[in-house]
Amino acid sequence: MYLVPISSLTPISSIQDVPENTSSESGQASFKSIMQDALNTLQESQQAAAEDSYNLAMGDISSLHSLMINSAMEATAVETVVQLTSRAVSTYKEIMQMQI
């Protein structure tokens, strides 16, 4: 019986070439910092889930609940990044359609 190996997603690269605006006048965080935090969280959770998957495949997993927690955290991080990106694109489209 042939087992298909588990392949992971390629990690998302960070956004380094966007100009730095750390905060606005109202004291809220900038979109870049929010997106950067979400991407960092996603990359960390992907690494943890990949390590857990490897350990499970090798039979070295000691706590199945930590594997499930890391998998759920990765799914949540992916959903957060997708939602942030989707909202940014739809906002950009709305701004571009405004009459000047």
N, C-alpha and C. Protein backbone atom coordinates (compact mmCIF):
# COMPACT_ATOMS: atom_id res chain seq x y z
N MET A 1 0.84 -1.18 0.00
CA MET A 1 0.00 0.00 0.00
C MET A 1 0.89 1.24 0.00
N TYR A 2 0.59 2.16 -0.88
CA TYR A 2 1.38 3.37 -1.03
C TYR A 2 0.71 4.51 -0.26
N LEU A 3 1.44 5.20 0.61
CA LEU A 3 0.93 6.35 1.35
C LEU A 3 1.38 7.63 0.67
N VAL A 4 0.46 8.53 0.45
CA VAL A 4 0.77 9.81 -0.16
C VAL A 4 1.35 10.72 0.92
N PRO A 5 2.54 11.30 0.71
CA PRO A 5 3.13 12.16 1.74
C PRO A 5 2.34 13.45 1.93
N ILE A 6 2.38 13.94 3.15
CA ILE A 6 1.69 15.19 3.47
C ILE A 6 2.54 16.34 2.96
N SER A 7 1.94 17.22 2.18
CA SER A 7 2.67 18.39 1.70
C SER A 7 2.06 19.63 2.34
N SER A 8 2.91 20.57 2.71
CA SER A 8 2.43 21.78 3.36
C SER A 8 2.34 22.94 2.36
N LEU A 9 1.63 23.97 2.74
CA LEU A 9 1.54 25.17 1.92
C LEU A 9 2.84 25.94 2.00
N THR A 10 3.16 26.65 0.94
CA THR A 10 4.35 27.49 0.99
C THR A 10 4.05 28.69 1.87
N PRO A 11 5.00 29.11 2.70
CA PRO A 11 4.74 30.23 3.60
C PRO A 11 4.59 31.54 2.83
N ILE A 12 3.82 32.43 3.39
CA ILE A 12 3.58 33.74 2.79
C ILE A 12 4.74 34.65 3.17
N SER A 13 5.29 35.35 2.18
CA SER A 13 6.40 36.25 2.46
C SER A 13 5.89 37.52 3.13
N SER A 14 6.76 38.17 3.88
CA SER A 14 6.36 39.37 4.62
C SER A 14 6.34 40.58 3.70
N ILE A 15 5.71 41.64 4.16
CA ILE A 15 5.59 42.86 3.37
C ILE A 15 6.62 43.87 3.88
N GLN A 16 7.77 43.89 3.25
CA GLN A 16 8.86 44.75 3.69
C GLN A 16 8.93 46.07 2.93
N ASP A 17 8.41 46.13 1.71
CA ASP A 17 8.59 47.32 0.89
C ASP A 17 7.45 48.32 1.03
N VAL A 18 6.57 48.15 1.99
CA VAL A 18 5.50 49.12 2.24
C VAL A 18 6.03 50.16 3.20
N PRO A 19 5.79 51.47 2.94
CA PRO A 19 6.31 52.50 3.85
C PRO A 19 5.74 52.34 5.25
N GLU A 20 6.55 52.69 6.23
CA GLU A 20 6.19 52.49 7.64
C GLU A 20 5.34 53.65 8.15
N ASN A 21 4.12 53.36 8.54
CA ASN A 21 3.25 54.30 9.23
C ASN A 21 2.77 53.55 10.47
N THR A 22 3.45 53.76 11.59
CA THR A 22 3.16 52.93 12.76
C THR A 22 1.82 53.24 13.40
N SER A 23 1.39 54.49 13.36
CA SER A 23 0.09 54.79 13.94
C SER A 23 -0.47 56.05 13.32
N SER A 24 -1.77 56.19 13.43
CA SER A 24 -2.43 57.39 12.94
C SER A 24 -2.62 58.36 14.09
N GLU A 25 -3.27 59.50 13.83
CA GLU A 25 -3.47 60.50 14.87
C GLU A 25 -4.36 60.00 16.00
N SER A 26 -5.25 59.06 15.72
CA SER A 26 -6.17 58.57 16.74
C SER A 26 -5.54 57.52 17.63
N GLY A 27 -4.29 57.14 17.40
CA GLY A 27 -3.60 56.18 18.24
C GLY A 27 -3.84 54.74 17.86
N GLN A 28 -4.54 54.49 16.75
CA GLN A 28 -4.79 53.11 16.32
C GLN A 28 -3.60 52.61 15.52
N ALA A 29 -3.44 51.30 15.51
CA ALA A 29 -2.35 50.69 14.75
C ALA A 29 -2.61 50.82 13.26
N SER A 30 -1.55 50.89 12.47
CA SER A 30 -1.70 51.00 11.02
C SER A 30 -2.07 49.65 10.43
N PHE A 31 -2.57 49.68 9.21
CA PHE A 31 -2.95 48.44 8.53
C PHE A 31 -1.73 47.56 8.32
N LYS A 32 -0.59 48.18 8.01
CA LYS A 32 0.63 47.40 7.79
C LYS A 32 1.00 46.62 9.04
N SER A 33 0.94 47.24 10.21
CA SER A 33 1.32 46.53 11.43
C SER A 33 0.33 45.42 11.76
N ILE A 34 -0.96 45.65 11.50
CA ILE A 34 -1.96 44.61 11.74
C ILE A 34 -1.73 43.45 10.80
N MET A 35 -1.49 43.74 9.53
CA MET A 35 -1.26 42.68 8.54
C MET A 35 0.04 41.95 8.84
N GLN A 36 1.08 42.67 9.25
CA GLN A 36 2.36 42.05 9.59
C GLN A 36 2.20 41.11 10.77
N ASP A 37 1.45 41.53 11.79
CA ASP A 37 1.21 40.66 12.94
C ASP A 37 0.44 39.40 12.54
N ALA A 38 -0.54 39.57 11.67
CA ALA A 38 -1.32 38.41 11.21
C ALA A 38 -0.45 37.45 10.41
N LEU A 39 0.42 37.99 9.56
CA LEU A 39 1.33 37.13 8.78
C LEU A 39 2.34 36.42 9.67
N ASN A 40 2.85 37.13 10.68
CA ASN A 40 3.79 36.49 11.61
C ASN A 40 3.12 35.37 12.39
N THR A 41 1.89 35.61 12.83
CA THR A 41 1.14 34.58 13.54
C THR A 41 0.89 33.39 12.63
N LEU A 42 0.56 33.66 11.37
CA LEU A 42 0.32 32.59 10.41
C LEU A 42 1.57 31.76 10.19
N GLN A 43 2.71 32.41 10.02
CA GLN A 43 3.95 31.68 9.78
C GLN A 43 4.33 30.83 11.00
N GLU A 44 4.16 31.38 12.21
CA GLU A 44 4.47 30.62 13.42
C GLU A 44 3.56 29.42 13.57
N SER A 45 2.27 29.61 13.31
CA SER A 45 1.34 28.49 13.45
C SER A 45 1.55 27.44 12.36
N GLN A 46 1.96 27.87 11.16
CA GLN A 46 2.27 26.90 10.11
C GLN A 46 3.48 26.06 10.48
N GLN A 47 4.49 26.69 11.07
CA GLN A 47 5.67 25.94 11.48
C GLN A 47 5.34 24.94 12.58
N ALA A 48 4.53 25.36 13.56
CA ALA A 48 4.16 24.46 14.65
C ALA A 48 3.32 23.29 14.13
N ALA A 49 2.38 23.57 13.24
CA ALA A 49 1.53 22.51 12.69
C ALA A 49 2.34 21.57 11.81
N ALA A 50 3.29 22.09 11.06
CA ALA A 50 4.14 21.24 10.22
C ALA A 50 5.01 20.32 11.09
N GLU A 51 5.55 20.86 12.16
CA GLU A 51 6.36 20.06 13.07
C GLU A 51 5.51 18.97 13.73
N ASP A 52 4.29 19.33 14.16
CA ASP A 52 3.39 18.34 14.75
C ASP A 52 3.00 17.26 13.74
N SER A 53 2.75 17.64 12.50
CA SER A 53 2.40 16.67 11.47
C SER A 53 3.55 15.70 11.21
N TYR A 54 4.76 16.22 11.18
CA TYR A 54 5.93 15.37 10.99
C TYR A 54 6.08 14.39 12.15
N ASN A 55 5.93 14.92 13.38
CA ASN A 55 6.05 14.06 14.55
C ASN A 55 4.96 12.99 14.58
N LEU A 56 3.77 13.34 14.14
CA LEU A 56 2.68 12.36 14.08
C LEU A 56 2.99 11.28 13.06
N ALA A 57 3.52 11.68 11.91
CA ALA A 57 3.85 10.71 10.86
C ALA A 57 4.97 9.77 11.31
N MET A 58 5.89 10.28 12.13
CA MET A 58 6.99 9.47 12.62
C MET A 58 6.62 8.67 13.88
N GLY A 59 5.45 8.95 14.44
CA GLY A 59 5.02 8.24 15.64
C GLY A 59 5.61 8.78 16.92
N ASP A 60 6.12 10.01 16.88
CA ASP A 60 6.77 10.60 18.05
C ASP A 60 5.87 11.58 18.79
N ILE A 61 4.59 11.58 18.52
CA ILE A 61 3.69 12.55 19.15
C ILE A 61 3.32 12.04 20.54
N SER A 62 3.45 12.91 21.53
CA SER A 62 3.13 12.50 22.89
C SER A 62 1.76 13.00 23.33
N SER A 63 1.33 14.13 22.79
CA SER A 63 0.03 14.67 23.18
C SER A 63 -0.76 15.03 21.93
N LEU A 64 -1.79 14.28 21.70
CA LEU A 64 -2.63 14.50 20.53
C LEU A 64 -3.41 15.81 20.63
N HIS A 65 -3.72 16.22 21.85
CA HIS A 65 -4.49 17.45 22.01
C HIS A 65 -3.68 18.68 21.58
N SER A 66 -2.37 18.68 21.79
CA SER A 66 -1.57 19.83 21.33
C SER A 66 -1.53 19.89 19.81
N LEU A 67 -1.52 18.72 19.15
CA LEU A 67 -1.57 18.68 17.69
C LEU A 67 -2.88 19.29 17.19
N MET A 68 -3.99 18.93 17.81
CA MET A 68 -5.29 19.47 17.40
C MET A 68 -5.39 20.97 17.66
N ILE A 69 -4.83 21.42 18.78
CA ILE A 69 -4.84 22.86 19.09
C ILE A 69 -4.02 23.63 18.08
N ASN A 70 -2.83 23.13 17.73
CA ASN A 70 -1.99 23.81 16.75
C ASN A 70 -2.63 23.82 15.36
N SER A 71 -3.32 22.74 15.01
CA SER A 71 -4.02 22.71 13.72
C SER A 71 -5.16 23.72 13.69
N ALA A 72 -5.90 23.83 14.79
CA ALA A 72 -6.98 24.81 14.86
C ALA A 72 -6.44 26.24 14.83
N MET A 73 -5.31 26.47 15.48
CA MET A 73 -4.70 27.80 15.46
C MET A 73 -4.24 28.16 14.05
N GLU A 74 -3.71 27.18 13.32
CA GLU A 74 -3.29 27.44 11.95
C GLU A 74 -4.49 27.77 11.07
N ALA A 75 -5.57 27.04 11.22
CA ALA A 75 -6.77 27.31 10.43
C ALA A 75 -7.33 28.69 10.73
N THR A 76 -7.31 29.07 11.99
CA THR A 76 -7.79 30.40 12.37
C THR A 76 -6.89 31.49 11.81
N ALA A 77 -5.58 31.28 11.85
CA ALA A 77 -4.65 32.27 11.32
C ALA A 77 -4.81 32.43 9.81
N VAL A 78 -5.01 31.33 9.10
CA VAL A 78 -5.23 31.40 7.66
C VAL A 78 -6.51 32.17 7.36
N GLU A 79 -7.56 31.88 8.09
CA GLU A 79 -8.84 32.58 7.88
C GLU A 79 -8.71 34.07 8.17
N THR A 80 -7.95 34.43 9.20
CA THR A 80 -7.74 35.85 9.52
C THR A 80 -7.01 36.57 8.40
N VAL A 81 -5.95 35.98 7.88
CA VAL A 81 -5.19 36.61 6.81
C VAL A 81 -6.04 36.72 5.54
N VAL A 82 -6.81 35.70 5.25
CA VAL A 82 -7.68 35.74 4.07
C VAL A 82 -8.72 36.84 4.22
N GLN A 83 -9.33 36.95 5.39
CA GLN A 83 -10.34 37.99 5.61
C GLN A 83 -9.73 39.39 5.54
N LEU A 84 -8.55 39.58 6.13
CA LEU A 84 -7.90 40.89 6.06
C LEU A 84 -7.58 41.27 4.63
N THR A 85 -7.07 40.33 3.87
CA THR A 85 -6.73 40.59 2.47
C THR A 85 -7.99 40.89 1.66
N SER A 86 -9.04 40.11 1.87
CA SER A 86 -10.29 40.32 1.15
C SER A 86 -10.89 41.69 1.46
N ARG A 87 -10.87 42.06 2.72
CA ARG A 87 -11.41 43.38 3.10
C ARG A 87 -10.57 44.51 2.52
N ALA A 88 -9.25 44.34 2.49
CA ALA A 88 -8.39 45.37 1.93
C ALA A 88 -8.65 45.54 0.44
N VAL A 89 -8.81 44.44 -0.28
CA VAL A 89 -9.06 44.51 -1.72
C VAL A 89 -10.42 45.13 -2.00
N SER A 90 -11.44 44.75 -1.25
CA SER A 90 -12.77 45.33 -1.49
C SER A 90 -12.79 46.82 -1.14
N THR A 91 -12.07 47.22 -0.10
CA THR A 91 -11.98 48.64 0.23
C THR A 91 -11.26 49.41 -0.87
N TYR A 92 -10.19 48.85 -1.39
CA TYR A 92 -9.46 49.48 -2.49
C TYR A 92 -10.37 49.64 -3.71
N LYS A 93 -11.15 48.62 -4.02
CA LYS A 93 -12.06 48.70 -5.17
C LYS A 93 -13.09 49.79 -4.96
N GLU A 94 -13.63 49.91 -3.76
CA GLU A 94 -14.62 50.95 -3.47
C GLU A 94 -14.01 52.33 -3.61
N ILE A 95 -12.78 52.49 -3.13
CA ILE A 95 -12.12 53.79 -3.25
C ILE A 95 -11.86 54.13 -4.71
N MET A 96 -11.46 53.17 -5.50
CA MET A 96 -11.18 53.42 -6.90
C MET A 96 -12.44 53.73 -7.70
N GLN A 97 -13.60 53.30 -7.24
CA GLN A 97 -14.84 53.57 -7.96
C GLN A 97 -15.50 54.88 -7.54
N MET A 98 -14.93 55.59 -6.58
CA MET A 98 -15.50 56.85 -6.12
C MET A 98 -15.37 57.93 -7.20
N GLN A 99 -16.38 58.75 -7.29
CA GLN A 99 -16.34 59.88 -8.22
C GLN A 99 -15.62 61.04 -7.56
N ILE A 100 -14.74 61.66 -8.34
CA ILE A 100 -13.95 62.79 -7.78
C ILE A 100 -14.55 64.09 -8.28
